[in-house]
Structures are given as C-alpha cells and as structure tokens.
Amino acid sequence: MCNLYAMTAPADAIRRMFDVTHGATPNLPSLERVRPTERVPVVRQASKGGQDGGRELALMRWGFVLPQGDKAPKPVTNARSDKVNISSFWKSSFESRRCLVPVTAFGEWTQDASKTLHWFRLKNAPEGLFAFAGLWRHWQGELKGEKVSLDTMAFLTTEPNGDVRPIHPKSMPVILTPDQYDAWLNGTPREALSLARPLADGALEVERAG
C-alpha cells in the first residue's frame, strides 16, 4: 500500500503535462511528503452545460471517507485493481469518476525491521511528472466535529513490478503513461481496467532515503 508520495511540480507544469484547458489554476504548494487526508491536485474531465469541457485541475482530499459507526471515519487511500469493478465502495467511481493524480515520486518502506524508506521516480518523465490512475467522489458528513462537503480521491494499486518488489512485495500504484490518459478518463470500464497493470521492469529509478 502506498501511503506516501511527493508532488513538487508547479501548477503550470501540471497544466502543460496533463493538457488542462478548463477552469482556474489553484495555488499549489510544493508537497515533498504527501500523506493521507491532505489536499492534493487532481486532474479530471470537466463538464460544462452537458458538453465536454476539457480537463480541469482541482484540489481534493486524499482518501475516500469510510464511516465506522461510533469511531472516527477512516480515509481509504488505495483501491485494489482486482476489486475496483466489483466492490460497492469503489464501483460507481470507477465507472464514472476516474481522474489523474499528478506525482513526482512515491515512497515505500522495506518490510523488514529496518523500515527503510525508498523513493521511486519514473525515468524520463516529462517535467518530472507522471500520473497515478485515480478515482474521485464527493462526500458530505461530519469530520472532526465539523460538517463538511468535499471532493475526495484515491488511486489504484496493482502487482509490484521488478523495481518495487524487492522493497514492497505486496503492491504498487497503477502508473499511467501519457498515451493512456484519455482512455483512463473517458474509456469504458473494460478499457480502463485493462490499463491497471504494473509498469515494465526498469521503468523506475529507486533512491534510498537517508
């Protein structure tokens, strides 16, 4: 499970890289360590007057909200790609609310006692940016004693490739290449699900932190 990533590129770079043509550009701080529940930039298909409005850049809270009765709601940050089209928690978002999550690196810890952090970056990524395959949905309810109305996002995970497996053998984020962006945002669920697979071995640079 990936619960740490970085997004340090400026908003203008995101607009260029992901062909954002619709809407205003929000102020984006450099996010060197993004953790669950933080507000992060997301690219989604915009709709204006029922017509395709191109792509827009929005800020969303990382983690779908899972109510837990008397306990505080839990942020669910990742969706398994083998469950996303059948789980009632994810299915409607997968079918109609897919998005791109801009990323400059993601972090995983070794599973041994050392718990050493490693950062993964996509080799030759334009402007250092790449994208997770994301989902989003709107949520209203009570968080930390306040009534809120917000958009939330999560991203898909899949089997780890040869770069990630030695560090984190359970999973890795689904990373999309630029030629897959449109199919992920606008394709059928079957077409989108076909993209939920590991990157080729050797596609990622691995850096040990510290």
Protein backbone atom coordinates (compact mmCIF):
# COMPACT_ATOMS: atom_id res chain seq x y z
CA MET A 1 0.00 0.00 0.00
CA CYS A 2 1.39 3.39 -1.00
CA ASN A 3 0.57 5.98 1.64
CA LEU A 4 3.29 8.49 0.83
CA TYR A 5 4.10 10.39 -2.33
CA ALA A 6 5.55 13.71 -3.50
CA MET A 7 4.15 16.35 -5.82
CA THR A 8 6.68 19.15 -6.15
CA ALA A 9 5.95 20.41 -9.68
CA PRO A 10 4.31 23.83 -10.13
CA ALA A 11 0.72 24.19 -11.29
CA ASP A 12 1.76 25.49 -14.72
CA ALA A 13 3.76 22.31 -15.33
CA ILE A 14 0.74 20.20 -14.40
CA ARG A 15 -1.47 22.14 -16.81
CA ARG A 16 1.04 21.59 -19.64
CA MET A 17 1.75 17.95 -18.88
CA PHE A 18 -1.88 16.91 -18.48
CA ASP A 19 -3.37 19.23 -21.12
CA VAL A 20 -5.54 21.14 -18.64
CA THR A 21 -7.58 23.67 -20.59
CA HIS A 22 -10.57 24.31 -18.36
CA GLY A 23 -11.05 26.29 -15.17
CA ALA A 24 -8.84 28.34 -12.90
CA THR A 25 -5.45 27.29 -11.55
CA PRO A 26 -5.44 26.81 -7.76
CA ASN A 27 -2.46 27.80 -5.65
CA LEU A 28 -0.30 24.73 -5.17
CA PRO A 29 2.44 24.47 -2.56
CA SER A 30 5.39 22.15 -3.14
CA LEU A 31 4.35 18.89 -1.47
CA GLU A 32 7.50 16.96 -0.61
CA ARG A 33 5.70 14.37 1.54
CA VAL A 34 2.01 13.94 0.84
CA ARG A 35 0.14 11.91 3.43
CA PRO A 36 -3.49 10.73 3.67
CA THR A 37 -6.17 13.40 4.28
CA GLU A 38 -4.05 16.19 2.75
CA ARG A 39 -5.45 18.30 -0.09
CA VAL A 40 -3.75 17.45 -3.36
CA PRO A 41 -4.03 18.39 -7.05
CA VAL A 42 -6.09 16.09 -9.27
CA VAL A 43 -6.86 16.28 -12.99
CA ARG A 44 -10.33 15.24 -14.07
CA GLN A 45 -12.59 15.62 -17.07
CA ALA A 46 -14.65 18.78 -16.82
CA SER A 47 -18.24 19.09 -17.95
CA LYS A 48 -19.94 22.36 -18.78
CA GLY A 49 -23.57 22.52 -19.78
CA GLY A 50 -23.59 18.80 -20.51
CA GLN A 51 -20.76 19.15 -23.01
CA ASP A 52 -17.17 18.05 -22.69
CA GLY A 53 -15.27 20.97 -21.19
CA GLY A 54 -11.77 19.51 -21.44
CA ARG A 55 -9.67 18.70 -18.40
CA GLU A 56 -9.60 20.70 -15.19
CA LEU A 57 -7.28 20.90 -12.21
CA ALA A 58 -8.94 20.53 -8.81
CA LEU A 59 -7.85 20.14 -5.18
CA MET A 60 -9.17 17.08 -3.37
CA ARG A 61 -8.71 15.36 -0.02
CA TRP A 62 -6.64 12.19 -0.30
CA GLY A 63 -8.71 9.27 0.91
CA PHE A 64 -12.30 8.19 0.34
CA VAL A 65 -14.19 8.56 3.61
CA LEU A 66 -15.26 5.30 5.25
CA PRO A 67 -17.73 5.80 8.15
CA GLN A 68 -17.05 3.48 11.10
CA GLY A 69 -20.11 3.84 13.33
CA ASP A 70 -19.09 5.40 16.64
CA LYS A 71 -15.45 5.63 15.58
CA ALA A 72 -13.93 8.45 13.52
CA PRO A 73 -14.29 7.98 9.74
CA LYS A 74 -11.31 6.28 8.10
CA PRO A 75 -9.55 7.59 4.95
CA VAL A 76 -9.22 4.81 2.35
CA THR A 77 -6.37 5.85 0.10
CA ASN A 78 -5.90 2.95 -2.33
CA ALA A 79 -8.22 0.74 -4.37
CA ARG A 80 -7.08 -2.72 -5.44
CA SER A 81 -7.39 -3.03 -9.20
CA ASP A 82 -8.83 -6.56 -8.92
CA LYS A 83 -11.66 -5.26 -6.71
CA VAL A 84 -12.41 -1.83 -8.14
CA ASN A 85 -15.05 -3.00 -10.63
CA ILE A 86 -16.89 -5.28 -8.20
CA SER A 87 -16.69 -3.61 -4.78
CA SER A 88 -19.70 -1.44 -3.95
CA PHE A 89 -17.34 1.00 -2.23
CA TRP A 90 -15.45 1.72 -5.48
CA LYS A 91 -17.60 0.63 -8.40
CA SER A 92 -19.59 3.80 -9.13
CA SER A 93 -16.47 5.97 -9.03
CA PHE A 94 -14.59 3.54 -11.26
CA GLU A 95 -17.40 3.56 -13.80
CA SER A 96 -17.98 7.32 -13.95
CA ARG A 97 -15.47 9.36 -11.91
CA ARG A 98 -11.92 8.48 -12.93
CA CYS A 99 -9.10 11.02 -12.62
CA LEU A 100 -5.34 11.51 -12.92
CA VAL A 101 -3.25 12.10 -9.79
CA PRO A 102 -0.10 14.12 -10.63
CA VAL A 103 3.01 12.75 -8.88
CA THR A 104 6.76 13.40 -8.91
CA ALA A 105 7.71 10.41 -6.70
CA PHE A 106 6.18 7.81 -4.41
CA GLY A 107 7.62 6.29 -1.27
CA GLU A 108 7.66 2.76 0.11
CA TRP A 109 9.32 1.31 3.19
CA THR A 110 11.13 -2.01 3.31
CA GLN A 111 9.11 -4.68 5.06
CA ASP A 112 11.98 -5.82 7.32
CA ALA A 113 12.87 -4.47 10.75
CA SER A 114 14.87 -1.56 9.30
CA LYS A 115 11.76 0.08 7.74
CA THR A 116 13.97 1.99 5.31
CA LEU A 117 12.20 4.49 3.05
CA HIS A 118 12.82 4.36 -0.71
CA TRP A 119 11.59 6.86 -3.30
CA PHE A 120 10.53 5.80 -6.79
CA ARG A 121 10.56 8.14 -9.79
CA LEU A 122 9.59 7.49 -13.38
CA LYS A 123 12.59 7.55 -15.69
CA ASN A 124 12.49 10.22 -18.40
CA ALA A 125 9.18 11.60 -17.12
CA PRO A 126 8.39 14.93 -18.87
CA GLU A 127 8.95 17.76 -16.39
CA GLY A 128 9.46 15.06 -13.74
CA LEU A 129 5.72 14.41 -13.66
CA PHE A 130 3.73 11.23 -14.00
CA ALA A 131 0.24 10.11 -13.01
CA PHE A 132 -1.44 7.56 -10.81
CA ALA A 133 -4.74 6.12 -12.04
CA GLY A 134 -7.20 7.79 -9.69
CA LEU A 135 -10.85 7.80 -8.70
CA TRP A 136 -12.84 10.58 -7.05
CA ARG A 137 -16.18 11.16 -5.39
CA HIS A 138 -17.99 13.85 -3.44
CA TRP A 139 -18.64 13.29 0.25
CA GLN A 140 -20.72 15.14 2.83
CA GLY A 141 -20.75 14.42 6.54
CA GLU A 142 -19.02 15.11 9.81
CA LEU A 143 -15.23 15.09 10.18
CA LYS A 144 -13.53 16.03 13.41
CA GLY A 145 -16.73 17.55 14.79
CA GLU A 146 -17.46 19.69 11.73
CA LYS A 147 -19.93 19.21 8.90
CA VAL A 148 -18.02 19.24 5.61
CA SER A 149 -18.70 18.91 1.91
CA LEU A 150 -15.66 17.94 -0.14
CA ASP A 151 -14.26 16.02 -3.08
CA THR A 152 -12.06 13.05 -2.20
CA MET A 153 -9.69 10.94 -4.25
CA ALA A 154 -7.93 7.59 -4.10
CA PHE A 155 -5.78 5.69 -6.61
CA LEU A 156 -5.46 2.15 -7.86
CA THR A 157 -2.81 -0.38 -6.87
CA THR A 158 -1.65 -3.48 -8.70
CA GLU A 159 1.04 -6.17 -8.53
CA PRO A 160 4.54 -4.71 -7.99
CA ASN A 161 6.99 -4.70 -10.88
CA GLY A 162 10.63 -5.75 -10.59
CA ASP A 163 11.70 -2.30 -9.38
CA VAL A 164 9.25 -2.15 -6.47
CA ARG A 165 9.04 -5.83 -5.48
CA PRO A 166 12.36 -6.00 -3.56
CA ILE A 167 11.21 -3.09 -1.37
CA HIS A 168 7.46 -3.64 -1.20
CA PRO A 169 6.40 -7.10 -2.44
CA LYS A 170 2.64 -6.62 -1.99
CA SER A 171 1.65 -3.85 -4.39
CA MET A 172 2.49 -0.67 -6.29
CA PRO A 173 0.40 2.24 -7.61
CA VAL A 174 -1.05 1.94 -11.10
CA ILE A 175 1.04 4.42 -13.12
CA LEU A 176 -0.30 5.67 -16.45
CA THR A 177 1.73 6.84 -19.44
CA PRO A 178 0.63 9.97 -21.36
CA ASP A 179 -0.82 7.93 -24.22
CA GLN A 180 -3.16 6.24 -21.70
CA TYR A 181 -4.58 9.36 -20.07
CA ASP A 182 -7.56 9.79 -22.36
CA ALA A 183 -8.53 6.12 -22.21
CA TRP A 184 -8.41 6.21 -18.42
CA LEU A 185 -10.54 9.36 -18.18
CA ASN A 186 -13.01 8.64 -20.97
CA GLY A 187 -12.82 4.97 -21.91
CA THR A 188 -15.26 2.25 -20.96
CA PRO A 189 -14.75 0.47 -17.64
CA ARG A 190 -13.36 -2.51 -19.57
CA GLU A 191 -10.86 -0.28 -21.40
CA ALA A 192 -9.86 1.45 -18.17
CA LEU A 193 -9.39 -1.80 -16.29
CA SER A 194 -7.02 -3.06 -18.99
CA LEU A 195 -4.63 -0.21 -18.01
CA ALA A 196 -4.46 -1.31 -14.37
CA ARG A 197 -1.23 -3.28 -14.60
CA PRO A 198 2.36 -2.94 -13.37
CA LEU A 199 4.90 -0.84 -15.23
CA ALA A 200 7.59 -2.64 -17.18
CA ASP A 201 10.60 -3.64 -15.11
CA GLY A 202 13.31 -0.97 -15.19
CA ALA A 203 10.91 1.94 -15.75
CA LEU A 204 11.51 3.41 -12.29
CA GLU A 205 14.52 4.96 -10.59
CA VAL A 206 14.91 3.88 -6.98
CA GLU A 207 16.53 6.09 -4.35
CA ARG A 208 17.12 5.11 -0.74
CA ALA A 209 16.23 7.96 1.62
CA GLY A 210 18.81 8.99 4.21
